[in-house]
Amino acid sequence: MDLTRLLFKRVTLVLCLLPIISFSQAGKLGDLEKEASKPKKRGTSSSSSSGSTSGSGSALGDKLAEGMAELIVRVTFKIAETGFTVLAKGGEASVNRYAQSSPVIIRDEQGERETGLFRKQGDPILPTLKLSSQWLDSSDDISAQLTRIEGGYGLIGFSYSENTLKEGNEELTLSNTLLHYRMSLGNNISWDLAYGRGRMNGNQSHEGDVFAMPIRVRFINSDWHFEYYPVWSSYNGGSLSEHQFSMNYQYQYVGLSAGYKKWSAGLTTVDGVFAGMYLAF
C-alpha cells in the first residue's frame, strides 16, 4: 500500500509539472507566434476639461490658432499632392519601360549615349515573372526556407511568398498574397507598394493584413542589384515585421542571392544569413 501511494504521489506530481515543463521547452518560434498575434495594449486616456482657464480667451490667440490650423492644412495638402505626383510618375515610368526593350541611342558632338526608359527581357528589378528560393540559417538553431513567385506587367504586379521556419520539431509558416503597384525611378531603381493578406500557421492559424515595400537598385553594371524587402503583418491586433537585405548577381535568366533577414514581434527576434537563387524573365 505504501508503495502504491508513493507511486500515485509521483505520478500526480509529474502531471502537475507537465504544463510547466512544456512551457519552459517552448522554442523561439512559439514566442514569435505568440508575440505576433498578441493584441497591443491601449492606454486609457482620461480627459479632464478644466472649463474656462482664461475666460473666453484673447482674440489674438484665436487668430493665431486659426492661422496655424490653416497653415497645417495647406502643408498637408501640398505633401499629399507631391506624394501622389511621385506615385503617378513612377507608375507611368514602369509602363513606359515595358513599351521599349532597348535604349534610344543619341549621336552628337559628344559621341554616342543611351537615353530613354526601357526594359530588357529578364530584368530582375521589374520582372514579368520571377521565381525565387532562399535558405536561411540562424544562430538559434532555426532554419528557414523561402519560396516566392512574383510577376506583373507595367505598373501592376502580384506576388505569393511562403516562409517556412523550423526549430527542432516546431514549425512556423508565413504566407503572403500581395497586389503590387510598381514604380520605376529611371531604368535602375524600382519601388513597389504592395498590400494583401497573410496567414501564419504554427500552434494556431492566424490571418491578417500585410503591407510590403520592396526596393531594388541596380549598380556597378547590369548584372548586379541590391534589394531591400520589408514586410509588415498584422494578426489579431499584433504585429510582425520582416526585413531582408540582399546582394544579387544575375547571368542571363539565372541569379544568385546572399543576404541577411530578420523577423521581429514584440521582444522576440529571429534572424540569420541566407543564400538562394532565382529565375527572372
Protein backbone atom coordinates (compact mmCIF):
# COMPACT_ATOMS: atom_id res chain seq x y z
CA MET A 1 0.00 0.00 0.00
CA ASP A 2 2.82 2.41 0.87
CA LEU A 3 4.47 1.71 -2.50
CA THR A 4 1.19 2.33 -4.31
CA ARG A 5 0.68 5.63 -2.50
CA LEU A 6 4.24 6.69 -3.29
CA LEU A 7 3.79 5.90 -7.00
CA PHE A 8 0.46 7.75 -7.02
CA LYS A 9 2.04 10.85 -5.48
CA ARG A 10 4.92 10.85 -8.00
CA VAL A 11 2.62 10.42 -10.99
CA THR A 12 0.43 13.25 -9.68
CA LEU A 13 3.50 15.47 -9.25
CA VAL A 14 4.69 14.75 -12.82
CA LEU A 15 1.24 15.53 -14.24
CA CYS A 16 1.17 18.82 -12.35
CA LEU A 17 4.62 19.76 -13.67
CA LEU A 18 3.89 18.89 -17.31
CA PRO A 19 2.46 22.31 -18.22
CA ILE A 20 5.48 24.00 -16.64
CA ILE A 21 7.91 21.68 -18.43
CA SER A 22 6.20 22.13 -21.79
CA PHE A 23 6.16 25.90 -21.31
CA SER A 24 9.84 26.02 -20.48
CA GLN A 25 10.63 23.96 -23.58
CA ALA A 26 8.64 26.26 -25.86
CA GLY A 27 11.00 27.42 -28.58
CA LYS A 28 11.67 30.80 -30.07
CA LEU A 29 9.23 30.18 -32.91
CA GLY A 30 6.45 29.72 -30.38
CA ASP A 31 7.43 33.02 -28.76
CA LEU A 32 7.49 34.73 -32.16
CA GLU A 33 3.98 33.45 -32.99
CA LYS A 34 2.66 34.44 -29.55
CA GLU A 35 4.08 37.98 -29.76
CA ALA A 36 2.95 38.46 -33.38
CA SER A 37 -0.67 37.56 -32.59
CA LYS A 38 -0.92 39.33 -29.21
CA PRO A 39 -3.07 42.49 -29.31
CA LYS A 40 -1.28 45.64 -28.29
CA LYS A 41 -2.34 47.19 -25.01
CA ARG A 42 -4.02 50.53 -25.33
CA GLY A 43 -3.56 53.02 -22.53
CA THR A 44 -6.64 54.57 -21.04
CA SER A 45 -6.62 58.29 -21.57
CA SER A 46 -8.52 60.38 -19.07
CA SER A 47 -9.51 63.74 -20.49
CA SER A 48 -10.30 66.31 -17.86
CA SER A 49 -11.67 69.58 -19.12
CA SER A 50 -10.62 72.47 -16.97
CA GLY A 51 -13.51 74.64 -18.00
CA SER A 52 -12.55 78.14 -18.94
CA THR A 53 -8.95 78.70 -17.86
CA SER A 54 -8.78 82.15 -19.17
CA GLY A 55 -12.39 83.07 -19.80
CA SER A 56 -13.23 83.45 -23.45
CA GLY A 57 -9.54 83.83 -24.39
CA SER A 58 -7.95 86.63 -26.28
CA ALA A 59 -8.86 87.44 -29.85
CA LEU A 60 -5.18 87.40 -30.78
CA GLY A 61 -4.80 83.83 -29.52
CA ASP A 62 -7.83 82.72 -31.52
CA LYS A 63 -6.42 84.28 -34.70
CA LEU A 64 -3.02 82.66 -34.17
CA ALA A 65 -4.63 79.26 -33.63
CA GLU A 66 -6.77 79.71 -36.74
CA GLY A 67 -3.74 80.75 -38.78
CA MET A 68 -1.69 77.76 -37.60
CA ALA A 69 -4.53 75.37 -38.41
CA GLU A 70 -4.84 76.83 -41.93
CA LEU A 71 -1.08 76.56 -42.46
CA ILE A 72 -1.03 72.91 -41.31
CA VAL A 73 -3.88 72.06 -43.70
CA ARG A 74 -2.10 73.72 -46.64
CA VAL A 75 1.20 71.98 -45.91
CA THR A 76 -0.56 68.62 -45.53
CA PHE A 77 -2.32 69.00 -48.89
CA LYS A 78 0.95 70.06 -50.54
CA ILE A 79 2.78 67.00 -49.21
CA ALA A 80 -0.08 64.74 -50.33
CA GLU A 81 -0.11 66.37 -53.77
CA THR A 82 3.65 65.88 -54.16
CA GLY A 83 3.37 62.28 -52.99
CA PHE A 84 0.60 61.45 -55.47
CA THR A 85 2.61 63.09 -58.26
CA VAL A 86 5.64 60.93 -57.47
CA LEU A 87 3.50 57.77 -57.31
CA ALA A 88 1.79 58.59 -60.62
CA LYS A 89 5.06 59.36 -62.43
CA GLY A 90 6.70 56.23 -61.03
CA GLY A 91 3.88 54.02 -62.26
CA GLU A 92 3.90 55.74 -65.66
CA ALA A 93 7.65 55.12 -65.92
CA SER A 94 7.10 51.36 -65.37
CA VAL A 95 4.54 51.34 -68.21
CA ASN A 96 6.94 53.22 -70.50
CA ARG A 97 9.77 50.81 -69.71
CA TYR A 98 7.65 47.87 -70.88
CA ALA A 99 6.91 49.73 -74.12
CA GLN A 100 10.62 49.84 -75.06
CA SER A 101 13.01 46.85 -74.99
CA SER A 102 16.23 48.74 -75.79
CA PRO A 103 17.62 52.22 -75.10
CA VAL A 104 17.47 55.05 -77.57
CA ILE A 105 20.93 55.90 -78.95
CA ILE A 106 21.71 59.59 -79.36
CA ARG A 107 24.66 60.64 -81.53
CA ASP A 108 26.03 64.17 -81.28
CA GLU A 109 29.32 66.03 -80.89
CA GLN A 110 29.87 64.31 -77.55
CA GLY A 111 29.61 60.86 -79.12
CA GLU A 112 27.02 58.14 -78.59
CA ARG A 113 24.98 57.75 -75.43
CA GLU A 114 21.96 55.80 -74.29
CA THR A 115 18.78 57.50 -73.11
CA GLY A 116 15.09 56.81 -72.59
CA LEU A 117 13.14 54.39 -70.44
CA PHE A 118 13.39 50.74 -71.44
CA ARG A 119 13.24 47.23 -70.01
CA LYS A 120 15.35 44.36 -71.26
CA GLN A 121 13.88 40.86 -71.14
CA GLY A 122 14.76 39.14 -67.86
CA ASP A 123 15.12 42.38 -65.88
CA PRO A 124 15.01 41.23 -62.21
CA ILE A 125 14.12 44.61 -60.70
CA LEU A 126 10.92 44.88 -62.77
CA PRO A 127 10.15 41.24 -63.61
CA THR A 128 7.43 39.84 -65.81
CA LEU A 129 7.92 36.57 -63.93
CA LYS A 130 10.38 35.80 -61.15
CA LEU A 131 10.75 32.56 -59.17
CA SER A 132 12.90 32.68 -56.01
CA SER A 133 14.10 30.16 -53.42
CA GLN A 134 16.21 31.01 -50.37
CA TRP A 135 17.60 29.08 -47.42
CA LEU A 136 18.36 30.72 -44.08
CA ASP A 137 20.44 29.55 -41.13
CA SER A 138 20.08 31.19 -37.71
CA SER A 139 22.39 31.09 -34.70
CA ASP A 140 19.38 29.92 -32.61
CA ASP A 141 19.28 26.50 -34.34
CA ILE A 142 16.46 27.77 -36.55
CA SER A 143 16.40 27.17 -40.29
CA ALA A 144 14.06 28.71 -42.83
CA GLN A 145 13.17 28.35 -46.49
CA LEU A 146 11.51 30.98 -48.65
CA THR A 147 9.63 30.32 -51.88
CA ARG A 148 8.31 33.33 -53.79
CA ILE A 149 6.64 33.79 -57.16
CA GLU A 150 6.07 37.29 -58.47
CA GLY A 151 5.09 38.80 -61.76
CA GLY A 152 3.35 41.62 -63.49
CA TYR A 153 3.26 43.94 -66.44
CA GLY A 154 3.92 47.65 -66.31
CA LEU A 155 2.77 49.19 -63.06
CA ILE A 156 0.62 46.28 -61.79
CA GLY A 157 2.10 43.14 -60.24
CA PHE A 158 1.39 40.34 -57.81
CA SER A 159 3.34 38.02 -55.53
CA TYR A 160 2.88 34.92 -53.41
CA SER A 161 5.52 34.03 -50.83
CA GLU A 162 5.88 31.31 -48.24
CA ASN A 163 8.43 31.30 -45.42
CA THR A 164 8.77 28.02 -43.51
CA LEU A 165 10.74 28.32 -40.25
CA LYS A 166 11.82 25.19 -38.35
CA GLU A 167 13.20 24.74 -34.85
CA GLY A 168 13.53 21.08 -33.89
CA ASN A 169 10.04 19.59 -34.19
CA GLU A 170 8.42 23.03 -34.20
CA GLU A 171 7.40 24.70 -37.45
CA LEU A 172 6.01 28.14 -38.31
CA THR A 173 4.77 29.01 -41.80
CA LEU A 174 4.23 32.58 -43.00
CA SER A 175 2.49 33.01 -46.36
CA ASN A 176 1.52 36.26 -48.08
CA THR A 177 -0.52 37.05 -51.19
CA LEU A 178 0.02 40.64 -52.36
CA LEU A 179 -1.03 43.03 -55.09
CA HIS A 180 1.81 45.38 -56.17
CA TYR A 181 1.85 48.92 -57.50
CA ARG A 182 5.23 49.01 -59.27
CA MET A 183 7.13 52.24 -59.78
CA SER A 184 10.36 52.90 -61.68
CA LEU A 185 12.77 55.71 -60.87
CA GLY A 186 14.74 55.59 -64.10
CA ASN A 187 15.92 52.26 -65.51
CA ASN A 188 17.90 51.09 -62.48
CA ILE A 189 15.60 51.61 -59.48
CA SER A 190 12.22 50.04 -58.75
CA TRP A 191 9.97 50.65 -55.76
CA ASP A 192 6.79 48.68 -55.06
CA LEU A 193 3.90 49.40 -52.72
CA ALA A 194 2.23 46.05 -52.03
CA TYR A 195 -0.81 45.16 -49.96
CA GLY A 196 -2.69 41.94 -49.37
CA ARG A 197 -3.47 39.15 -46.93
CA GLY A 198 -1.21 36.92 -44.89
CA ARG A 199 -1.53 33.68 -42.97
CA MET A 200 0.58 32.48 -40.03
CA ASN A 201 0.39 28.76 -39.22
CA GLY A 202 2.11 27.48 -36.10
CA ASN A 203 0.49 26.25 -32.92
CA GLN A 204 -2.60 28.01 -34.23
CA SER A 205 -3.69 29.59 -37.51
CA HIS A 206 -3.90 33.37 -37.87
CA GLU A 207 -4.88 35.65 -40.76
CA GLY A 208 -4.24 39.34 -41.18
CA ASP A 209 -3.31 42.30 -43.36
CA VAL A 210 0.14 42.61 -44.94
CA PHE A 211 1.98 45.60 -46.39
CA ALA A 212 5.33 45.37 -48.21
CA MET A 213 7.62 47.88 -49.86
CA PRO A 214 10.40 46.15 -51.86
CA ILE A 215 13.13 48.39 -53.26
CA ARG A 216 15.68 47.24 -55.86
CA VAL A 217 18.67 49.23 -57.05
CA ARG A 218 20.98 48.22 -59.92
CA PHE A 219 24.56 49.48 -59.82
CA ILE A 220 28.13 48.64 -60.91
CA ASN A 221 26.73 47.05 -64.06
CA SER A 222 23.51 45.43 -65.25
CA ASP A 223 24.43 42.06 -63.64
CA TRP A 224 24.32 43.27 -60.01
CA HIS A 225 21.50 44.73 -57.94
CA PHE A 226 20.74 45.38 -54.27
CA GLU A 227 17.36 44.55 -52.73
CA TYR A 228 15.67 45.70 -49.52
CA TYR A 229 12.41 43.83 -48.94
CA PRO A 230 10.50 44.91 -45.81
CA VAL A 231 7.17 43.30 -44.86
CA TRP A 232 4.78 44.33 -42.08
CA SER A 233 1.97 41.99 -40.99
CA SER A 234 -0.90 42.43 -38.52
CA TYR A 235 -2.51 39.42 -36.82
CA ASN A 236 -5.34 39.84 -34.27
CA GLY A 237 -4.08 43.28 -33.35
CA GLY A 238 -0.47 42.10 -33.00
CA SER A 239 2.31 42.85 -35.47
CA LEU A 240 5.18 41.04 -37.16
CA SER A 241 7.90 42.74 -39.20
CA GLU A 242 10.34 41.17 -41.65
CA HIS A 243 13.38 42.95 -43.06
CA GLN A 244 15.53 41.41 -45.77
CA PHE A 245 18.72 42.81 -47.32
CA SER A 246 20.46 41.04 -50.20
CA MET A 247 23.02 41.36 -52.96
CA ASN A 248 22.08 39.66 -56.21
CA TYR A 249 24.08 38.62 -59.27
CA GLN A 250 22.39 37.52 -62.49
CA TYR A 251 23.70 35.81 -65.61
CA GLN A 252 21.16 35.73 -68.44
CA TYR A 253 17.96 34.50 -66.70
CA VAL A 254 19.53 32.85 -63.61
CA GLY A 255 20.52 34.77 -60.48
CA LEU A 256 22.19 34.14 -57.11
CA SER A 257 21.28 35.93 -53.85
CA ALA A 258 23.01 36.31 -50.48
CA GLY A 259 21.99 38.46 -47.55
CA TYR A 260 20.54 38.92 -44.08
CA LYS A 261 16.94 38.57 -42.85
CA LYS A 262 15.21 39.33 -39.55
CA TRP A 263 11.71 38.70 -38.16
CA SER A 264 10.60 40.72 -35.12
CA ALA A 265 7.50 40.60 -32.93
CA GLY A 266 7.47 42.25 -29.53
CA LEU A 267 10.71 41.37 -27.75
CA THR A 268 11.29 38.22 -29.85
CA THR A 269 13.64 38.27 -32.84
CA VAL A 270 14.70 35.56 -35.28
CA ASP A 271 17.47 36.44 -37.72
CA GLY A 272 20.20 34.91 -39.81
CA VAL A 273 22.05 34.89 -43.10
CA PHE A 274 20.61 33.33 -46.23
CA ALA A 275 21.55 32.30 -49.73
CA GLY A 276 19.39 31.44 -52.69
CA MET A 277 18.78 31.52 -56.39
CA TYR A 278 16.11 32.87 -58.74
CA LEU A 279 14.89 32.80 -62.32
CA ALA A 280 13.80 36.10 -63.90
CA PHE A 281 12.03 36.62 -67.23
